[in-house]
Amino acid sequence: MLDHQFNDHQHGRSVLHAKQRRHEGNGRSVKRTMTDILPITQKSQAETEEEAQCAFSFKLSEMLGIQTALPANIARRASVDPLFLYRLLEVRNEPAALQELIDSVAEASLPKWAPRPTTHLLKQASIALGRWAANGFSQVSDAIKEKRRAACKACPHLREPSPHLLFQIFAHDSKTCGLCSCAIEKKIMLPTETCPVADAPGSPRNRWGELLDP
């Protein structure tokens, strides 16, 4: 009888150890699975961002009349710097001036004030570019410019002209928006641009009286 109890005890310990091994094995399996999944998720995000950048670069190259793809850093700069994008399109029919502008920032990093070109920003830039192209790269009417300018002048986010080189060259007489760092005199004339802040809490319209971007 004692032998029987001892064997039962040993059997119980064996079952317990087996369960522990299975549990530990499952734990290790879960950890391995999570470790395997994480790089895939990160890679997917990077691929999505790269696809958005390629789409924007292709669209911009097409609108500039360039047969080859733009350098990646030029496309990134144009996606987050409306002033630089405006300058590119402004000289799109002057090949020498266009190439000179591209070469002038080819080795430069993004301005310190520029946001990182995320997938969302790249998609928004593509939409804005398409919207501007649909308008024939035209400017807004004088009445809209004046309405926007008045709103900006009364805005508490208005800042003195930026000391950055590109602003000094292309928009030295313009104050800047403290929220998006854009030169006001350039921003207000572009149909692709918008004011980023609501005119009142919960309002669907911005300080320009236009609908906020979704």
N, C-alpha and C. Protein backbone atom coordinates (compact mmCIF):
# COMPACT_ATOMS: atom_id res chain seq x y z
N MET A 1 0.83 -1.20 0.00
CA MET A 1 0.00 0.00 0.00
C MET A 1 0.86 1.24 0.00
N LEU A 2 1.93 1.21 0.81
CA LEU A 2 2.86 2.34 0.82
C LEU A 2 3.50 2.52 -0.54
N ASP A 3 3.84 1.36 -1.15
CA ASP A 3 4.43 1.45 -2.50
C ASP A 3 3.44 2.07 -3.46
N HIS A 4 2.18 1.72 -3.32
CA HIS A 4 1.15 2.27 -4.21
C HIS A 4 1.02 3.78 -4.03
N GLN A 5 1.01 4.23 -2.75
CA GLN A 5 0.91 5.66 -2.47
C GLN A 5 2.14 6.39 -2.99
N PHE A 6 3.30 5.76 -2.82
CA PHE A 6 4.53 6.38 -3.30
C PHE A 6 4.50 6.55 -4.82
N ASN A 7 4.01 5.47 -5.49
CA ASN A 7 3.93 5.54 -6.96
C ASN A 7 2.94 6.60 -7.40
N ASP A 8 1.80 6.71 -6.67
CA ASP A 8 0.83 7.76 -6.99
C ASP A 8 1.45 9.13 -6.81
N HIS A 9 2.23 9.29 -5.74
CA HIS A 9 2.88 10.58 -5.47
C HIS A 9 3.87 10.92 -6.58
N GLN A 10 4.65 9.92 -6.96
CA GLN A 10 5.63 10.12 -8.02
C GLN A 10 4.92 10.48 -9.34
N HIS A 11 3.79 9.76 -9.58
CA HIS A 11 3.04 10.04 -10.79
C HIS A 11 2.50 11.48 -10.79
N GLY A 12 2.01 11.91 -9.60
CA GLY A 12 1.51 13.29 -9.48
C GLY A 12 2.59 14.31 -9.75
N ARG A 13 3.80 14.03 -9.20
CA ARG A 13 4.91 14.95 -9.44
C ARG A 13 5.27 14.98 -10.91
N SER A 14 5.21 13.82 -11.56
CA SER A 14 5.55 13.77 -12.98
C SER A 14 4.55 14.56 -13.80
N VAL A 15 3.26 14.41 -13.46
CA VAL A 15 2.23 15.16 -14.17
C VAL A 15 2.41 16.65 -13.96
N LEU A 16 2.69 17.05 -12.68
CA LEU A 16 2.91 18.45 -12.36
C LEU A 16 4.09 19.01 -13.13
N HIS A 17 5.20 18.26 -13.14
CA HIS A 17 6.37 18.73 -13.88
C HIS A 17 6.09 18.83 -15.37
N ALA A 18 5.33 17.88 -15.88
CA ALA A 18 4.98 17.91 -17.30
C ALA A 18 4.16 19.15 -17.61
N LYS A 19 3.18 19.47 -16.70
CA LYS A 19 2.37 20.67 -16.90
C LYS A 19 3.23 21.92 -16.84
N GLN A 20 4.18 21.95 -15.88
CA GLN A 20 5.07 23.10 -15.77
C GLN A 20 5.91 23.27 -17.02
N ARG A 21 6.40 22.11 -17.55
CA ARG A 21 7.23 22.19 -18.76
C ARG A 21 6.40 22.70 -19.94
N ARG A 22 5.13 22.19 -19.99
CA ARG A 22 4.28 22.67 -21.09
C ARG A 22 3.99 24.16 -20.94
N HIS A 23 3.73 24.58 -19.70
CA HIS A 23 3.45 25.99 -19.43
C HIS A 23 4.65 26.86 -19.80
N GLU A 24 5.85 26.40 -19.34
CA GLU A 24 7.06 27.16 -19.64
C GLU A 24 7.32 27.16 -21.14
N GLY A 25 7.04 26.00 -21.75
CA GLY A 25 7.24 25.91 -23.19
C GLY A 25 6.30 26.86 -23.92
N ASN A 26 5.03 26.91 -23.44
CA ASN A 26 4.09 27.83 -24.05
C ASN A 26 4.52 29.27 -23.85
N GLY A 27 5.06 29.56 -22.66
CA GLY A 27 5.55 30.90 -22.38
C GLY A 27 6.66 31.29 -23.33
N ARG A 28 7.60 30.34 -23.52
CA ARG A 28 8.70 30.62 -24.44
C ARG A 28 8.18 30.78 -25.86
N SER A 29 7.17 30.00 -26.19
CA SER A 29 6.60 30.08 -27.54
C SER A 29 5.95 31.43 -27.76
N VAL A 30 5.19 31.93 -26.75
CA VAL A 30 4.56 33.23 -26.86
C VAL A 30 5.60 34.32 -27.02
N LYS A 31 6.68 34.23 -26.21
CA LYS A 31 7.73 35.24 -26.29
C LYS A 31 8.37 35.24 -27.66
N ARG A 32 8.62 34.07 -28.19
CA ARG A 32 9.23 33.99 -29.50
C ARG A 32 8.29 34.58 -30.55
N THR A 33 7.01 34.29 -30.40
CA THR A 33 6.02 34.79 -31.36
C THR A 33 5.98 36.31 -31.33
N MET A 34 5.96 36.91 -30.13
CA MET A 34 5.93 38.36 -30.00
C MET A 34 7.19 38.98 -30.57
N THR A 35 8.32 38.34 -30.32
CA THR A 35 9.59 38.85 -30.83
C THR A 35 9.62 38.79 -32.35
N ASP A 36 9.03 37.70 -32.87
CA ASP A 36 8.99 37.57 -34.32
C ASP A 36 8.05 38.58 -34.96
N ILE A 37 6.92 38.86 -34.28
CA ILE A 37 5.92 39.76 -34.85
C ILE A 37 6.39 41.20 -34.84
N LEU A 38 7.08 41.64 -33.79
CA LEU A 38 7.45 43.04 -33.62
C LEU A 38 8.24 43.61 -34.79
N PRO A 39 9.32 42.94 -35.25
CA PRO A 39 10.05 43.49 -36.40
C PRO A 39 9.20 43.57 -37.65
N ILE A 40 8.25 42.62 -37.81
CA ILE A 40 7.38 42.64 -38.98
C ILE A 40 6.49 43.88 -38.95
N THR A 41 5.95 44.22 -37.74
CA THR A 41 5.12 45.40 -37.60
C THR A 41 5.91 46.66 -37.93
N GLN A 42 7.14 46.77 -37.40
CA GLN A 42 7.97 47.94 -37.66
C GLN A 42 8.32 48.04 -39.14
N LYS A 43 8.62 46.91 -39.74
CA LYS A 43 8.96 46.88 -41.16
C LYS A 43 7.77 47.33 -41.99
N SER A 44 6.58 46.91 -41.61
CA SER A 44 5.37 47.27 -42.32
C SER A 44 5.16 48.78 -42.28
N GLN A 45 5.39 49.39 -41.13
CA GLN A 45 5.25 50.84 -40.99
C GLN A 45 6.26 51.56 -41.88
N ALA A 46 7.48 51.06 -41.89
CA ALA A 46 8.53 51.67 -42.72
C ALA A 46 8.19 51.53 -44.21
N GLU A 47 7.67 50.37 -44.57
CA GLU A 47 7.30 50.15 -45.97
C GLU A 47 6.15 51.07 -46.38
N THR A 48 5.18 51.25 -45.48
CA THR A 48 4.06 52.13 -45.76
C THR A 48 4.54 53.56 -45.98
N GLU A 49 5.46 54.01 -45.13
CA GLU A 49 6.01 55.35 -45.25
C GLU A 49 6.79 55.50 -46.55
N GLU A 50 7.55 54.47 -46.89
CA GLU A 50 8.34 54.52 -48.13
C GLU A 50 7.43 54.57 -49.36
N GLU A 51 6.33 53.81 -49.32
CA GLU A 51 5.38 53.83 -50.43
C GLU A 51 4.75 55.21 -50.58
N ALA A 52 4.39 55.84 -49.45
CA ALA A 52 3.80 57.17 -49.49
C ALA A 52 4.79 58.19 -50.04
N GLN A 53 6.05 58.05 -49.66
CA GLN A 53 7.08 58.96 -50.15
C GLN A 53 7.30 58.78 -51.65
N CYS A 54 7.31 57.54 -52.10
CA CYS A 54 7.49 57.25 -53.53
C CYS A 54 6.34 57.83 -54.34
N ALA A 55 5.11 57.70 -53.81
CA ALA A 55 3.94 58.21 -54.51
C ALA A 55 4.01 59.73 -54.63
N PHE A 56 4.40 60.39 -53.53
CA PHE A 56 4.52 61.84 -53.56
C PHE A 56 5.65 62.27 -54.50
N SER A 57 6.78 61.59 -54.43
CA SER A 57 7.94 61.90 -55.28
C SER A 57 7.58 61.76 -56.76
N PHE A 58 6.85 60.68 -57.08
CA PHE A 58 6.46 60.44 -58.47
C PHE A 58 5.54 61.55 -58.97
N LYS A 59 4.55 61.91 -58.13
CA LYS A 59 3.60 62.95 -58.52
C LYS A 59 4.31 64.30 -58.69
N LEU A 60 5.21 64.61 -57.78
CA LEU A 60 5.93 65.88 -57.87
C LEU A 60 6.84 65.91 -59.10
N SER A 61 7.55 64.82 -59.35
CA SER A 61 8.42 64.74 -60.54
C SER A 61 7.62 64.97 -61.81
N GLU A 62 6.45 64.35 -61.86
CA GLU A 62 5.57 64.47 -63.03
C GLU A 62 5.16 65.92 -63.24
N MET A 63 4.81 66.61 -62.14
CA MET A 63 4.35 67.99 -62.25
C MET A 63 5.48 68.96 -62.56
N LEU A 64 6.70 68.56 -62.19
CA LEU A 64 7.86 69.40 -62.49
C LEU A 64 8.41 69.12 -63.88
N GLY A 65 7.87 68.09 -64.53
CA GLY A 65 8.35 67.74 -65.86
C GLY A 65 9.69 67.04 -65.85
N ILE A 66 10.00 66.39 -64.73
CA ILE A 66 11.27 65.68 -64.60
C ILE A 66 11.04 64.20 -64.92
N GLN A 67 11.87 63.66 -65.80
CA GLN A 67 11.69 62.28 -66.26
C GLN A 67 12.20 61.25 -65.26
N THR A 68 13.12 61.65 -64.41
CA THR A 68 13.66 60.72 -63.42
C THR A 68 13.09 61.04 -62.04
N ALA A 69 13.20 60.09 -61.13
CA ALA A 69 12.69 60.29 -59.77
C ALA A 69 13.51 61.36 -59.04
N LEU A 70 12.83 62.14 -58.24
CA LEU A 70 13.53 63.14 -57.43
C LEU A 70 14.35 62.44 -56.34
N PRO A 71 15.48 63.01 -55.95
CA PRO A 71 16.21 62.47 -54.80
C PRO A 71 15.29 62.41 -53.58
N ALA A 72 15.45 61.39 -52.77
CA ALA A 72 14.56 61.17 -51.63
C ALA A 72 14.52 62.38 -50.69
N ASN A 73 15.68 63.00 -50.44
CA ASN A 73 15.68 64.12 -49.50
C ASN A 73 14.97 65.35 -50.07
N ILE A 74 14.94 65.49 -51.40
CA ILE A 74 14.22 66.60 -52.01
C ILE A 74 12.72 66.40 -51.86
N ALA A 75 12.27 65.17 -52.09
CA ALA A 75 10.84 64.87 -51.93
C ALA A 75 10.40 65.04 -50.48
N ARG A 76 11.25 64.59 -49.54
CA ARG A 76 10.92 64.75 -48.11
C ARG A 76 10.82 66.22 -47.76
N ARG A 77 11.76 67.01 -48.25
CA ARG A 77 11.77 68.44 -47.95
C ARG A 77 10.50 69.11 -48.50
N ALA A 78 10.16 68.78 -49.73
CA ALA A 78 8.98 69.38 -50.35
C ALA A 78 7.69 68.99 -49.64
N SER A 79 7.66 67.80 -49.04
CA SER A 79 6.44 67.32 -48.38
C SER A 79 6.15 68.03 -47.07
N VAL A 80 7.16 68.61 -46.44
CA VAL A 80 6.96 69.25 -45.14
C VAL A 80 7.30 70.74 -45.15
N ASP A 81 7.78 71.25 -46.29
CA ASP A 81 8.18 72.66 -46.39
C ASP A 81 7.41 73.30 -47.54
N PRO A 82 6.23 73.88 -47.27
CA PRO A 82 5.41 74.47 -48.33
C PRO A 82 6.14 75.54 -49.13
N LEU A 83 7.01 76.29 -48.48
CA LEU A 83 7.75 77.34 -49.17
C LEU A 83 8.69 76.75 -50.22
N PHE A 84 9.37 75.67 -49.86
CA PHE A 84 10.27 75.01 -50.81
C PHE A 84 9.47 74.40 -51.96
N LEU A 85 8.33 73.79 -51.65
CA LEU A 85 7.47 73.22 -52.68
C LEU A 85 7.00 74.32 -53.63
N TYR A 86 6.61 75.44 -53.08
CA TYR A 86 6.17 76.58 -53.89
C TYR A 86 7.28 77.03 -54.83
N ARG A 87 8.50 77.11 -54.32
CA ARG A 87 9.63 77.54 -55.15
C ARG A 87 9.90 76.54 -56.28
N LEU A 88 9.80 75.25 -55.98
CA LEU A 88 10.00 74.23 -57.02
C LEU A 88 9.01 74.41 -58.16
N LEU A 89 7.74 74.59 -57.80
CA LEU A 89 6.70 74.71 -58.81
C LEU A 89 6.75 76.08 -59.51
N GLU A 90 7.26 77.06 -58.81
CA GLU A 90 7.36 78.40 -59.38
C GLU A 90 8.36 78.42 -60.55
N VAL A 91 9.40 77.60 -60.46
CA VAL A 91 10.42 77.59 -61.52
C VAL A 91 10.36 76.31 -62.35
N ARG A 92 9.22 75.63 -62.33
CA ARG A 92 9.12 74.34 -63.03
C ARG A 92 9.32 74.46 -64.53
N ASN A 93 9.06 75.64 -65.11
CA ASN A 93 9.25 75.84 -66.54
C ASN A 93 10.61 76.45 -66.89
N GLU A 94 11.47 76.53 -65.89
CA GLU A 94 12.83 77.05 -66.10
C GLU A 94 13.82 75.97 -65.65
N PRO A 95 14.19 75.06 -66.54
CA PRO A 95 15.02 73.90 -66.18
C PRO A 95 16.30 74.24 -65.42
N ALA A 96 17.00 75.30 -65.85
CA ALA A 96 18.25 75.65 -65.19
C ALA A 96 18.00 76.12 -63.76
N ALA A 97 16.98 76.96 -63.58
CA ALA A 97 16.65 77.46 -62.24
C ALA A 97 16.15 76.33 -61.34
N LEU A 98 15.38 75.42 -61.92
CA LEU A 98 14.86 74.29 -61.16
C LEU A 98 16.00 73.41 -60.67
N GLN A 99 16.93 73.11 -61.56
CA GLN A 99 18.06 72.27 -61.17
C GLN A 99 18.93 72.96 -60.13
N GLU A 100 19.09 74.26 -60.28
CA GLU A 100 19.89 75.02 -59.30
C GLU A 100 19.25 74.98 -57.92
N LEU A 101 17.93 75.10 -57.88
CA LEU A 101 17.22 75.05 -56.60
C LEU A 101 17.35 73.67 -55.96
N ILE A 102 17.20 72.62 -56.77
CA ILE A 102 17.34 71.25 -56.26
C ILE A 102 18.76 71.03 -55.73
N ASP A 103 19.75 71.47 -56.51
CA ASP A 103 21.15 71.28 -56.10
C ASP A 103 21.48 72.05 -54.83
N SER A 104 20.81 73.20 -54.62
CA SER A 104 21.13 74.04 -53.47
C SER A 104 20.79 73.39 -52.13
N VAL A 105 19.86 72.42 -52.15
CA VAL A 105 19.48 71.77 -50.90
C VAL A 105 19.69 70.26 -50.95
N ALA A 106 20.38 69.80 -52.00
CA ALA A 106 20.55 68.35 -52.20
C ALA A 106 21.23 67.67 -51.02
N GLU A 107 22.19 68.36 -50.42
CA GLU A 107 22.94 67.76 -49.31
C GLU A 107 22.47 68.26 -47.95
N ALA A 108 21.46 69.12 -47.95
CA ALA A 108 21.00 69.71 -46.68
C ALA A 108 20.02 68.79 -45.98
N SER A 109 20.03 68.85 -44.66
CA SER A 109 19.06 68.09 -43.88
C SER A 109 17.78 68.92 -43.76
N LEU A 110 16.73 68.32 -43.23
CA LEU A 110 15.49 69.04 -43.05
C LEU A 110 15.69 70.20 -42.07
N PRO A 111 15.02 71.33 -42.28
CA PRO A 111 15.11 72.42 -41.31
C PRO A 111 14.69 71.96 -39.92
N LYS A 112 15.25 72.56 -38.90
CA LYS A 112 14.94 72.15 -37.53
C LYS A 112 13.46 72.32 -37.21
N TRP A 113 12.83 73.29 -37.87
CA TRP A 113 11.43 73.53 -37.56
C TRP A 113 10.49 72.60 -38.31
N ALA A 114 10.99 71.89 -39.29
CA ALA A 114 10.13 71.04 -40.13
C ALA A 114 9.75 69.75 -39.40
N PRO A 115 8.50 69.32 -39.50
CA PRO A 115 8.10 68.04 -38.89
C PRO A 115 8.68 66.87 -39.66
N ARG A 116 8.75 65.72 -39.02
CA ARG A 116 9.22 64.53 -39.72
C ARG A 116 8.18 64.12 -40.76
N PRO A 117 8.62 63.80 -41.99
CA PRO A 117 7.67 63.43 -43.05
C PRO A 117 7.07 62.05 -42.83
N THR A 118 6.04 61.99 -42.02
CA THR A 118 5.36 60.72 -41.72
C THR A 118 4.47 60.30 -42.89
N THR A 119 3.94 59.10 -42.82
CA THR A 119 3.03 58.61 -43.86
C THR A 119 1.84 59.55 -44.01
N HIS A 120 1.30 60.01 -42.89
CA HIS A 120 0.14 60.91 -42.93
C HIS A 120 0.49 62.22 -43.63
N LEU A 121 1.62 62.82 -43.28
CA LEU A 121 2.02 64.08 -43.90
C LEU A 121 2.30 63.91 -45.39
N LEU A 122 2.93 62.81 -45.76
CA LEU A 122 3.22 62.56 -47.17
C LEU A 122 1.94 62.40 -47.98
N LYS A 123 0.95 61.72 -47.40
CA LYS A 123 -0.33 61.57 -48.10
C LYS A 123 -1.04 62.90 -48.21
N GLN A 124 -0.99 63.70 -47.14
CA GLN A 124 -1.61 65.02 -47.17
C GLN A 124 -0.93 65.90 -48.21
N ALA A 125 0.39 65.80 -48.31
CA ALA A 125 1.14 66.59 -49.30
C ALA A 125 0.74 66.19 -50.72
N SER A 126 0.55 64.89 -50.95
CA SER A 126 0.12 64.41 -52.27
C SER A 126 -1.26 64.95 -52.62
N ILE A 127 -2.16 64.94 -51.63
CA ILE A 127 -3.51 65.46 -51.85
C ILE A 127 -3.46 66.95 -52.17
N ALA A 128 -2.66 67.70 -51.39
CA ALA A 128 -2.55 69.14 -51.61
C ALA A 128 -1.95 69.44 -52.98
N LEU A 129 -0.96 68.65 -53.37
CA LEU A 129 -0.32 68.84 -54.66
C LEU A 129 -1.31 68.61 -55.79
N GLY A 130 -2.10 67.54 -55.66
CA GLY A 130 -3.11 67.26 -56.67
C GLY A 130 -4.17 68.35 -56.72
N ARG A 131 -4.53 68.89 -55.56
CA ARG A 131 -5.52 69.95 -55.49
C ARG A 131 -5.01 71.22 -56.17
N TRP A 132 -3.74 71.52 -55.96
CA TRP A 132 -3.15 72.70 -56.58
C TRP A 132 -3.03 72.52 -58.09
N ALA A 133 -2.64 71.32 -58.52
CA ALA A 133 -2.52 71.04 -59.96
C ALA A 133 -3.89 71.19 -60.64
N ALA A 134 -4.95 70.76 -59.94
CA ALA A 134 -6.30 70.87 -60.49
C ALA A 134 -6.69 72.33 -60.69
N ASN A 135 -6.08 73.21 -59.92
CA ASN A 135 -6.33 74.64 -60.05
C ASN A 135 -5.33 75.31 -60.99
N GLY A 136 -4.57 74.49 -61.73
CA GLY A 136 -3.60 75.05 -62.67
C GLY A 136 -2.46 75.77 -61.99
N PHE A 137 -2.14 75.36 -60.75
CA PHE A 137 -1.09 76.00 -59.96
C PHE A 137 -1.34 77.50 -59.80
N SER A 138 -2.61 77.84 -59.80
CA SER A 138 -2.96 79.26 -59.66
C SER A 138 -2.97 79.68 -58.20
N GLN A 139 -3.04 80.97 -57.99
CA GLN A 139 -3.16 81.51 -56.64
C GLN A 139 -4.63 81.79 -56.34
N VAL A 140 -4.95 81.96 -55.07
CA VAL A 140 -6.32 82.30 -54.70
C VAL A 140 -6.59 83.74 -55.12
N SER A 141 -7.84 84.12 -55.08
CA SER A 141 -8.22 85.48 -55.49
C SER A 141 -7.69 86.51 -54.49
N ASP A 142 -7.63 87.76 -54.93
CA ASP A 142 -7.16 88.85 -54.06
C ASP A 142 -8.04 88.98 -52.82
N ALA A 143 -9.34 88.75 -53.00
CA ALA A 143 -10.27 88.88 -51.86
C ALA A 143 -9.95 87.82 -50.80
N ILE A 144 -9.67 86.60 -51.24
CA ILE A 144 -9.35 85.53 -50.29
C ILE A 144 -8.01 85.82 -49.63
N LYS A 145 -7.04 86.33 -50.39
CA LYS A 145 -5.74 86.68 -49.81
C LYS A 145 -5.91 87.69 -48.69
N GLU A 146 -6.69 88.73 -48.95
CA GLU A 146 -6.88 89.78 -47.95
C GLU A 146 -7.60 89.26 -46.72
N LYS A 147 -8.57 88.38 -46.92
CA LYS A 147 -9.29 87.80 -45.79
C LYS A 147 -8.36 86.95 -44.94
N ARG A 148 -7.52 86.15 -45.60
CA ARG A 148 -6.56 85.31 -44.89
C ARG A 148 -5.51 86.18 -44.18
N ARG A 149 -5.01 87.18 -44.88
CA ARG A 149 -3.98 88.06 -44.30
C ARG A 149 -4.50 88.75 -43.04
N ALA A 150 -5.73 89.25 -43.09
CA ALA A 150 -6.32 89.93 -41.94
C ALA A 150 -6.43 88.99 -40.75
N ALA A 151 -6.85 87.75 -41.03
CA ALA A 151 -6.99 86.76 -39.95
C ALA A 151 -5.63 86.44 -39.34
N CYS A 152 -4.61 86.31 -40.18
CA CYS A 152 -3.26 86.00 -39.68
C CYS A 152 -2.70 87.16 -38.85
N LYS A 153 -2.92 88.37 -39.29
CA LYS A 153 -2.41 89.54 -38.57
C LYS A 153 -3.03 89.67 -37.18
N ALA A 154 -4.26 89.18 -37.05
CA ALA A 154 -4.96 89.25 -35.75
C ALA A 154 -4.74 88.01 -34.91
N CYS A 155 -3.99 87.05 -35.44
CA CYS A 155 -3.80 85.77 -34.75
C CYS A 155 -2.69 85.85 -33.70
N PRO A 156 -2.90 85.31 -32.51
CA PRO A 156 -1.86 85.33 -31.47
C PRO A 156 -0.66 84.44 -31.80
N HIS A 157 -0.78 83.60 -32.83
CA HIS A 157 0.32 82.70 -33.20
C HIS A 157 1.26 83.33 -34.24
N LEU A 158 0.99 84.57 -34.64
CA LEU A 158 1.84 85.23 -35.61
C LEU A 158 3.22 85.51 -35.01
N ARG A 159 4.26 85.24 -35.77
CA ARG A 159 5.63 85.42 -35.31
C ARG A 159 6.42 86.30 -36.26
N GLU A 160 7.53 86.83 -35.77
CA GLU A 160 8.41 87.64 -36.61
C GLU A 160 9.02 86.78 -37.71
N PRO A 161 9.53 87.41 -38.78
CA PRO A 161 10.12 86.64 -39.88
C PRO A 161 11.17 85.65 -39.39
N SER A 162 11.17 84.47 -40.00
CA SER A 162 12.11 83.43 -39.61
C SER A 162 13.53 83.80 -40.03
N PRO A 163 14.54 83.46 -39.20
CA PRO A 163 15.94 83.73 -39.55
C PRO A 163 16.53 82.69 -40.51
N HIS A 164 15.76 81.63 -40.83
CA HIS A 164 16.30 80.58 -41.69
C HIS A 164 16.58 81.12 -43.09
N LEU A 165 17.59 80.58 -43.73
CA LEU A 165 18.10 81.08 -45.00
C LEU A 165 17.03 81.15 -46.08
N LEU A 166 16.27 80.07 -46.27
CA LEU A 166 15.27 80.07 -47.33
C LEU A 166 14.22 81.15 -47.14
N PHE A 167 13.83 81.39 -45.89
CA PHE A 167 12.87 82.45 -45.63
C PHE A 167 13.48 83.81 -45.96
N GLN A 168 14.76 84.00 -45.65
CA GLN A 168 15.41 85.27 -45.91
C GLN A 168 15.53 85.53 -47.42
N ILE A 169 15.70 84.47 -48.18
CA ILE A 169 15.84 84.62 -49.63
C ILE A 169 14.49 84.84 -50.30
N PHE A 170 13.51 84.01 -49.95
CA PHE A 170 12.25 84.01 -50.67
C PHE A 170 11.11 84.75 -49.97
N ALA A 171 11.21 84.97 -48.67
CA ALA A 171 10.09 85.57 -47.95
C ALA A 171 10.59 86.45 -46.82
N HIS A 172 11.61 87.27 -47.11
CA HIS A 172 12.25 88.05 -46.05
C HIS A 172 11.33 89.08 -45.41
N ASP A 173 10.27 89.47 -46.15
CA ASP A 173 9.37 90.51 -45.63
C ASP A 173 8.11 89.92 -45.00
N SER A 174 8.08 88.62 -44.83
CA SER A 174 6.88 87.98 -44.34
C SER A 174 7.04 87.46 -42.91
N LYS A 175 6.04 87.71 -42.09
CA LYS A 175 6.01 87.08 -40.78
C LYS A 175 5.61 85.62 -40.96
N THR A 176 5.78 84.86 -39.89
CA THR A 176 5.52 83.43 -40.00
C THR A 176 4.44 82.97 -39.03
N CYS A 177 3.87 81.81 -39.34
CA CYS A 177 2.88 81.20 -38.47
C CYS A 177 3.61 80.41 -37.39
N GLY A 178 3.28 80.67 -36.14
CA GLY A 178 3.93 79.98 -35.04
C GLY A 178 3.53 78.52 -34.91
N LEU A 179 2.48 78.11 -35.61
CA LEU A 179 2.01 76.73 -35.54
C LEU A 179 2.62 75.85 -36.62
N CYS A 180 2.72 76.38 -37.84
CA CYS A 180 3.24 75.56 -38.94
C CYS A 180 4.56 76.07 -39.50
N SER A 181 5.02 77.24 -39.02
CA SER A 181 6.29 77.84 -39.43
C SER A 181 6.31 78.31 -40.88
N CYS A 182 5.14 78.43 -41.50
CA CYS A 182 5.08 78.90 -42.89
C CYS A 182 5.18 80.42 -42.96
N ALA A 183 5.75 80.92 -44.07
CA ALA A 183 5.78 82.36 -44.32
C ALA A 183 4.36 82.78 -44.71
N ILE A 184 3.79 83.71 -43.96
CA ILE A 184 2.39 84.08 -44.14
C ILE A 184 2.10 84.57 -45.55
N GLU A 185 2.95 85.46 -46.09
CA GLU A 185 2.68 86.05 -47.40
C GLU A 185 2.70 85.01 -48.52
N LYS A 186 3.42 83.92 -48.33
CA LYS A 186 3.39 82.84 -49.31
C LYS A 186 2.21 81.91 -49.04
N LYS A 187 1.98 81.63 -47.79
CA LYS A 187 0.93 80.68 -47.39
C LYS A 187 -0.45 81.14 -47.82
N ILE A 188 -0.76 82.43 -47.63
CA ILE A 188 -2.12 82.91 -47.87
C ILE A 188 -2.51 82.88 -49.35
N MET A 189 -1.53 82.82 -50.25
CA MET A 189 -1.87 82.89 -51.67
C MET A 189 -2.02 81.52 -52.32
N LEU A 190 -1.72 80.45 -51.58
CA LEU A 190 -1.76 79.11 -52.16
C LEU A 190 -3.07 78.40 -51.84
N PRO A 191 -3.76 77.88 -52.87
CA PRO A 191 -5.02 77.17 -52.63
C PRO A 191 -4.82 75.84 -51.90
N THR A 192 -3.59 75.36 -51.87
CA THR A 192 -3.31 74.10 -51.17
C THR A 192 -3.16 74.28 -49.67
N GLU A 193 -2.96 75.52 -49.22
CA GLU A 193 -2.66 75.77 -47.81
C GLU A 193 -3.93 76.03 -47.01
N THR A 194 -3.80 75.84 -45.71
CA THR A 194 -4.94 76.04 -44.82
C THR A 194 -4.45 76.50 -43.46
N CYS A 195 -5.31 77.16 -42.72
CA CYS A 195 -4.99 77.54 -41.35
C CYS A 195 -5.20 76.30 -40.47
N PRO A 196 -4.26 75.98 -39.59
CA PRO A 196 -4.38 74.74 -38.82
C PRO A 196 -5.18 74.82 -37.53
N VAL A 197 -5.72 75.99 -37.19
CA VAL A 197 -6.40 76.11 -35.90
C VAL A 197 -7.85 76.57 -36.08
N ALA A 198 -8.74 76.03 -35.24
CA ALA A 198 -10.16 76.37 -35.32
C ALA A 198 -10.39 77.81 -34.85
N ASP A 199 -11.41 78.44 -35.41
CA ASP A 199 -11.71 79.82 -35.00
C ASP A 199 -12.40 79.89 -33.64
N ALA A 200 -12.86 78.75 -33.17
CA ALA A 200 -13.46 78.65 -31.83
C ALA A 200 -13.46 77.18 -31.43
N PRO A 201 -13.44 76.88 -30.13
CA PRO A 201 -13.45 75.47 -29.69
C PRO A 201 -14.61 74.70 -30.29
N GLY A 202 -14.32 73.58 -30.94
CA GLY A 202 -15.35 72.74 -31.52
C GLY A 202 -15.86 73.19 -32.88
N SER A 203 -15.36 74.31 -33.36
CA SER A 203 -15.82 74.83 -34.66
C SER A 203 -15.22 74.02 -35.81
N PRO A 204 -15.99 73.79 -36.88
CA PRO A 204 -15.45 73.07 -38.04
C PRO A 204 -14.63 73.96 -38.97
N ARG A 205 -14.59 75.24 -38.65
CA ARG A 205 -13.87 76.19 -39.51
C ARG A 205 -12.63 76.75 -38.81
N ASN A 206 -11.65 77.13 -39.62
CA ASN A 206 -10.42 77.69 -39.07
C ASN A 206 -10.49 79.21 -39.01
N ARG A 207 -9.39 79.83 -38.63
CA ARG A 207 -9.36 81.29 -38.48
C ARG A 207 -9.51 82.01 -39.81
N TRP A 208 -9.27 81.32 -40.89
CA TRP A 208 -9.49 81.91 -42.22
C TRP A 208 -10.96 81.85 -42.63
N GLY A 209 -11.79 81.17 -41.82
CA GLY A 209 -13.20 81.02 -42.17
C GLY A 209 -13.44 79.87 -43.13
N GLU A 210 -12.41 79.03 -43.31
CA GLU A 210 -12.52 77.88 -44.21
C GLU A 210 -12.61 76.60 -43.40
N LEU A 211 -13.10 75.54 -44.02
CA LEU A 211 -13.24 74.27 -43.31
C LEU A 211 -11.88 73.73 -42.92
N LEU A 212 -11.79 73.22 -41.71
CA LEU A 212 -10.55 72.60 -41.24
C LEU A 212 -10.29 71.32 -42.02
N ASP A 213 -9.01 71.02 -42.22
CA ASP A 213 -8.66 69.75 -42.84
C ASP A 213 -9.06 68.62 -41.90
N PRO A 214 -9.55 67.49 -42.45
CA PRO A 214 -9.94 66.36 -41.57
C PRO A 214 -8.74 65.77 -40.89
